N, C-alpha and C. Protein backbone atom coordinates (compact mmCIF):
# COMPACT_ATOMS: atom_id res chain seq x y z
N MET A 1 11.65 194.42 240.45
CA MET A 1 12.02 193.04 240.60
C MET A 1 12.10 192.74 242.09
N SER A 2 11.23 191.95 242.54
CA SER A 2 11.23 191.62 243.96
C SER A 2 11.75 190.20 244.14
N LEU A 3 12.50 190.03 245.19
CA LEU A 3 13.04 188.71 245.49
C LEU A 3 12.26 188.09 246.63
N LYS A 4 11.99 186.85 246.52
CA LYS A 4 11.28 186.14 247.58
C LYS A 4 12.28 185.71 248.64
N GLY A 5 11.79 185.29 249.75
CA GLY A 5 12.64 184.89 250.87
C GLY A 5 13.59 183.77 250.53
N ILE A 6 13.13 182.80 249.79
CA ILE A 6 13.97 181.66 249.44
C ILE A 6 15.08 182.09 248.48
N GLU A 7 14.77 183.01 247.58
CA GLU A 7 15.78 183.51 246.65
C GLU A 7 16.84 184.30 247.39
N LEU A 8 16.45 185.05 248.40
CA LEU A 8 17.42 185.81 249.18
C LEU A 8 18.34 184.89 249.97
N GLN A 9 17.82 183.76 250.42
CA GLN A 9 18.65 182.81 251.15
C GLN A 9 19.77 182.26 250.27
N ILE A 10 19.53 182.20 248.99
CA ILE A 10 20.55 181.69 248.06
C ILE A 10 21.42 182.83 247.53
N ALA A 11 20.82 183.97 247.23
CA ALA A 11 21.52 185.07 246.58
C ALA A 11 22.54 185.74 247.49
N ILE A 12 22.21 185.95 248.75
CA ILE A 12 23.12 186.66 249.65
C ILE A 12 24.40 185.87 249.90
N PRO A 13 24.36 184.57 250.21
CA PRO A 13 25.62 183.84 250.38
C PRO A 13 26.44 183.78 249.09
N LYS A 14 25.76 183.67 247.94
CA LYS A 14 26.50 183.63 246.68
C LYS A 14 27.21 184.96 246.44
N THR A 15 26.57 186.05 246.76
CA THR A 15 27.18 187.37 246.61
C THR A 15 28.38 187.49 247.53
N PHE A 16 28.25 186.99 248.74
CA PHE A 16 29.35 187.02 249.70
C PHE A 16 30.53 186.20 249.19
N GLU A 17 30.24 185.01 248.65
CA GLU A 17 31.30 184.15 248.10
C GLU A 17 31.96 184.81 246.89
N ALA A 18 31.16 185.44 246.05
CA ALA A 18 31.71 186.11 244.87
C ALA A 18 32.63 187.26 245.29
N GLY A 19 32.26 187.97 246.34
CA GLY A 19 33.11 189.04 246.85
C GLY A 19 34.43 188.50 247.38
N LYS A 20 34.35 187.37 248.09
CA LYS A 20 35.57 186.74 248.61
C LYS A 20 36.49 186.31 247.47
N ILE A 21 35.89 185.71 246.45
CA ILE A 21 36.68 185.23 245.30
C ILE A 21 37.33 186.41 244.58
N ALA A 22 36.58 187.49 244.40
CA ALA A 22 37.14 188.67 243.73
C ALA A 22 38.28 189.26 244.55
N GLU A 23 38.12 189.33 245.86
CA GLU A 23 39.18 189.85 246.73
C GLU A 23 40.41 188.96 246.69
N HIS A 24 40.19 187.65 246.69
CA HIS A 24 41.30 186.70 246.62
C HIS A 24 42.07 186.86 245.30
N LYS A 25 41.35 187.00 244.19
CA LYS A 25 42.00 187.20 242.89
C LYS A 25 42.80 188.50 242.87
N HIS A 26 42.24 189.53 243.46
CA HIS A 26 42.94 190.82 243.52
C HIS A 26 44.22 190.70 244.34
N GLN A 27 44.13 190.03 245.48
CA GLN A 27 45.31 189.84 246.32
C GLN A 27 46.36 188.98 245.61
N GLN A 28 45.91 187.94 244.92
CA GLN A 28 46.84 187.07 244.21
C GLN A 28 47.56 187.83 243.10
N THR A 29 46.81 188.66 242.39
CA THR A 29 47.42 189.47 241.34
C THR A 29 48.45 190.42 241.93
N GLN A 30 48.12 191.03 243.05
CA GLN A 30 49.06 191.95 243.70
C GLN A 30 50.31 191.21 244.17
N LEU A 31 50.13 190.01 244.73
CA LEU A 31 51.28 189.22 245.17
C LEU A 31 52.17 188.83 243.99
N ASN A 32 51.54 188.44 242.89
CA ASN A 32 52.32 188.09 241.70
C ASN A 32 53.11 189.29 241.18
N GLN A 33 52.49 190.45 241.19
CA GLN A 33 53.16 191.67 240.73
C GLN A 33 54.33 192.01 241.65
N ASP A 34 54.13 191.91 242.95
CA ASP A 34 55.21 192.19 243.91
C ASP A 34 56.36 191.20 243.73
N HIS A 35 56.03 189.94 243.53
CA HIS A 35 57.06 188.92 243.34
C HIS A 35 57.85 189.20 242.06
N SER A 36 57.15 189.54 241.01
CA SER A 36 57.80 189.86 239.74
C SER A 36 58.73 191.07 239.88
N ASN A 37 58.27 192.09 240.58
CA ASN A 37 59.09 193.28 240.80
C ASN A 37 60.34 192.96 241.61
N SER A 38 60.19 192.12 242.62
CA SER A 38 61.36 191.78 243.44
C SER A 38 62.37 190.96 242.63
N LEU A 39 61.88 190.04 241.80
CA LEU A 39 62.79 189.27 240.96
C LEU A 39 63.53 190.17 239.97
N MET A 40 62.81 191.10 239.38
CA MET A 40 63.44 192.01 238.43
C MET A 40 64.47 192.89 239.13
N GLU A 41 64.15 193.34 240.33
CA GLU A 41 65.09 194.17 241.09
C GLU A 41 66.35 193.38 241.42
N ARG A 42 66.19 192.13 241.84
CA ARG A 42 67.36 191.30 242.13
C ARG A 42 68.22 191.10 240.88
N GLN A 43 67.56 190.86 239.76
CA GLN A 43 68.29 190.64 238.52
C GLN A 43 69.04 191.91 238.10
N MET A 44 68.41 193.06 238.27
CA MET A 44 69.07 194.32 237.92
C MET A 44 70.28 194.56 238.80
N VAL A 45 70.16 194.28 240.10
CA VAL A 45 71.28 194.45 241.01
C VAL A 45 72.41 193.50 240.63
N LYS A 46 72.05 192.28 240.29
CA LYS A 46 73.06 191.29 239.92
C LYS A 46 73.80 191.71 238.65
N THR A 47 73.07 192.16 237.64
CA THR A 47 73.73 192.58 236.40
C THR A 47 74.52 193.86 236.60
N ARG A 48 74.07 194.73 237.48
CA ARG A 48 74.78 195.97 237.74
C ARG A 48 76.10 195.71 238.45
N GLU A 49 76.12 194.71 239.32
CA GLU A 49 77.31 194.44 240.12
C GLU A 49 78.25 193.43 239.47
N SER A 50 77.80 192.73 238.45
CA SER A 50 78.66 191.72 237.84
C SER A 50 79.57 192.36 236.79
N VAL A 51 80.67 191.70 236.53
CA VAL A 51 81.63 192.16 235.54
C VAL A 51 81.52 191.25 234.33
N LEU A 52 81.34 191.85 233.18
CA LEU A 52 81.23 191.07 231.96
C LEU A 52 82.59 190.98 231.29
N PRO A 53 82.96 189.81 230.79
CA PRO A 53 84.26 189.68 230.14
C PRO A 53 84.27 190.41 228.80
N SER A 54 85.39 191.01 228.50
CA SER A 54 85.51 191.74 227.25
C SER A 54 86.80 191.33 226.57
N GLU A 55 86.68 190.80 225.37
CA GLU A 55 87.86 190.34 224.64
C GLU A 55 88.76 191.51 224.25
N GLU A 56 88.16 192.61 223.85
CA GLU A 56 88.96 193.76 223.44
C GLU A 56 89.76 194.32 224.61
N ALA A 57 89.15 194.39 225.77
CA ALA A 57 89.87 194.90 226.94
C ALA A 57 91.01 193.96 227.30
N ALA A 58 90.81 192.68 227.17
CA ALA A 58 91.86 191.72 227.48
C ALA A 58 93.01 191.85 226.49
N LYS A 59 92.69 192.07 225.21
CA LYS A 59 93.75 192.22 224.21
C LYS A 59 94.55 193.50 224.47
N MET A 60 93.86 194.56 224.80
CA MET A 60 94.55 195.83 225.05
C MET A 60 95.41 195.74 226.30
N ALA A 61 94.93 195.05 227.30
CA ALA A 61 95.69 194.92 228.53
C ALA A 61 96.92 194.06 228.33
N SER A 62 96.87 193.12 227.40
CA SER A 62 98.00 192.22 227.19
C SER A 62 98.98 192.76 226.15
N GLY A 63 98.82 193.99 225.70
CA GLY A 63 99.75 194.57 224.76
C GLY A 63 99.33 194.40 223.32
N GLY A 64 98.15 194.00 223.05
CA GLY A 64 97.67 193.82 221.69
C GLY A 64 97.20 195.11 221.06
N ASN A 65 97.38 196.21 221.73
CA ASN A 65 96.90 197.50 221.24
C ASN A 65 97.61 197.90 219.96
N GLN A 66 98.91 197.74 219.90
CA GLN A 66 99.67 198.11 218.70
C GLN A 66 99.27 197.23 217.53
N HIS A 67 99.06 195.97 217.79
CA HIS A 67 98.65 195.04 216.73
C HIS A 67 97.30 195.45 216.16
N LEU A 68 96.38 195.87 217.01
CA LEU A 68 95.06 196.31 216.55
C LEU A 68 95.18 197.55 215.68
N ARG A 69 96.04 198.47 216.08
CA ARG A 69 96.22 199.70 215.31
C ARG A 69 96.81 199.39 213.93
N ASP A 70 97.81 198.50 213.90
CA ASP A 70 98.43 198.13 212.63
C ASP A 70 97.43 197.45 211.70
N SER A 71 96.63 196.56 212.24
CA SER A 71 95.66 195.86 211.39
C SER A 71 94.60 196.83 210.89
N ALA A 72 94.23 197.82 211.68
CA ALA A 72 93.24 198.81 211.25
C ALA A 72 93.81 199.67 210.12
N GLU A 73 95.09 200.03 210.23
CA GLU A 73 95.72 200.83 209.17
C GLU A 73 95.83 200.02 207.88
N ASP A 74 96.16 198.74 207.99
CA ASP A 74 96.23 197.88 206.80
C ASP A 74 94.86 197.77 206.13
N ALA A 75 93.83 197.64 206.93
CA ALA A 75 92.48 197.54 206.38
C ALA A 75 92.10 198.83 205.67
N ASP A 76 92.48 199.98 206.24
CA ASP A 76 92.19 201.27 205.60
C ASP A 76 92.91 201.38 204.26
N ARG A 77 94.16 200.96 204.22
CA ARG A 77 94.92 201.01 202.97
C ARG A 77 94.27 200.13 201.90
N LYS A 78 93.86 198.93 202.30
CA LYS A 78 93.21 198.03 201.35
C LYS A 78 91.91 198.62 200.83
N ASN A 79 91.15 199.24 201.71
CA ASN A 79 89.89 199.86 201.28
C ASN A 79 90.15 200.99 200.30
N ASN A 80 91.17 201.80 200.56
CA ASN A 80 91.49 202.91 199.65
C ASN A 80 91.91 202.39 198.28
N GLU A 81 92.73 201.33 198.26
CA GLU A 81 93.16 200.75 196.99
C GLU A 81 91.98 200.17 196.22
N GLU A 82 91.07 199.51 196.92
CA GLU A 82 89.91 198.92 196.27
C GLU A 82 88.99 200.00 195.71
N GLU A 83 88.86 201.11 196.41
CA GLU A 83 88.03 202.21 195.93
C GLU A 83 88.61 202.80 194.65
N LYS A 84 89.92 202.88 194.57
CA LYS A 84 90.56 203.42 193.37
C LYS A 84 90.38 202.48 192.18
N LYS A 85 90.40 201.18 192.43
CA LYS A 85 90.31 200.19 191.37
C LYS A 85 88.88 200.01 190.86
N THR A 86 87.90 200.22 191.69
CA THR A 86 86.52 199.95 191.27
C THR A 86 86.06 200.96 190.23
N MET A 87 85.30 200.46 189.29
CA MET A 87 84.76 201.30 188.23
C MET A 87 83.38 201.79 188.63
N HIS A 88 83.06 202.97 188.16
CA HIS A 88 81.73 203.50 188.42
C HIS A 88 80.73 202.70 187.58
N PRO A 89 79.54 202.40 188.10
CA PRO A 89 78.62 201.51 187.40
C PRO A 89 78.14 202.03 186.04
N TYR A 90 78.01 203.34 185.86
CA TYR A 90 77.52 203.81 184.57
C TYR A 90 78.41 204.86 183.93
N LYS A 91 79.48 205.23 184.56
CA LYS A 91 80.43 206.16 183.94
C LYS A 91 81.60 205.36 183.39
N GLY A 92 82.07 205.74 182.27
CA GLY A 92 83.22 205.06 181.68
C GLY A 92 84.51 205.76 182.06
N SER A 93 85.63 205.13 181.70
CA SER A 93 86.92 205.74 182.01
C SER A 93 87.54 206.39 180.76
N PHE A 94 86.94 206.17 179.61
CA PHE A 94 87.47 206.71 178.36
C PHE A 94 86.59 207.87 177.90
N VAL A 95 87.24 208.99 177.57
CA VAL A 95 86.51 210.15 177.07
C VAL A 95 86.84 210.31 175.59
N ASP A 96 85.82 210.37 174.75
CA ASP A 96 86.01 210.48 173.30
C ASP A 96 85.88 211.95 172.91
N PHE A 97 87.02 212.55 172.52
CA PHE A 97 87.03 213.96 172.12
C PHE A 97 86.88 214.14 170.61
N THR A 98 86.81 213.08 169.83
CA THR A 98 86.80 213.20 168.38
C THR A 98 85.45 213.63 167.82
N GLY A 99 84.41 213.44 168.48
CA GLY A 99 83.10 213.62 167.92
C GLY A 99 82.52 214.93 168.07
């Protein structure tokens, strides 16, 4: 495939422009990636250094620890009573020894 002089006059500048465009896209992609990484790094530092409010910690600090323990024990007692009252789905409670 041979190119004529007039075709070379058009092809060479187009190739040069295509190379510039490809380089620009590559640089833009790299800049976007760097920007994204810096934003993520800032966000990680911010979350690492910030203090999150905790309702449980506030309750324990204000003396609510005993109340939490009492309520947990009450819940355990209720669960044990309910387990004793519940019937097994296919086992009965009456045993027939006459047969």
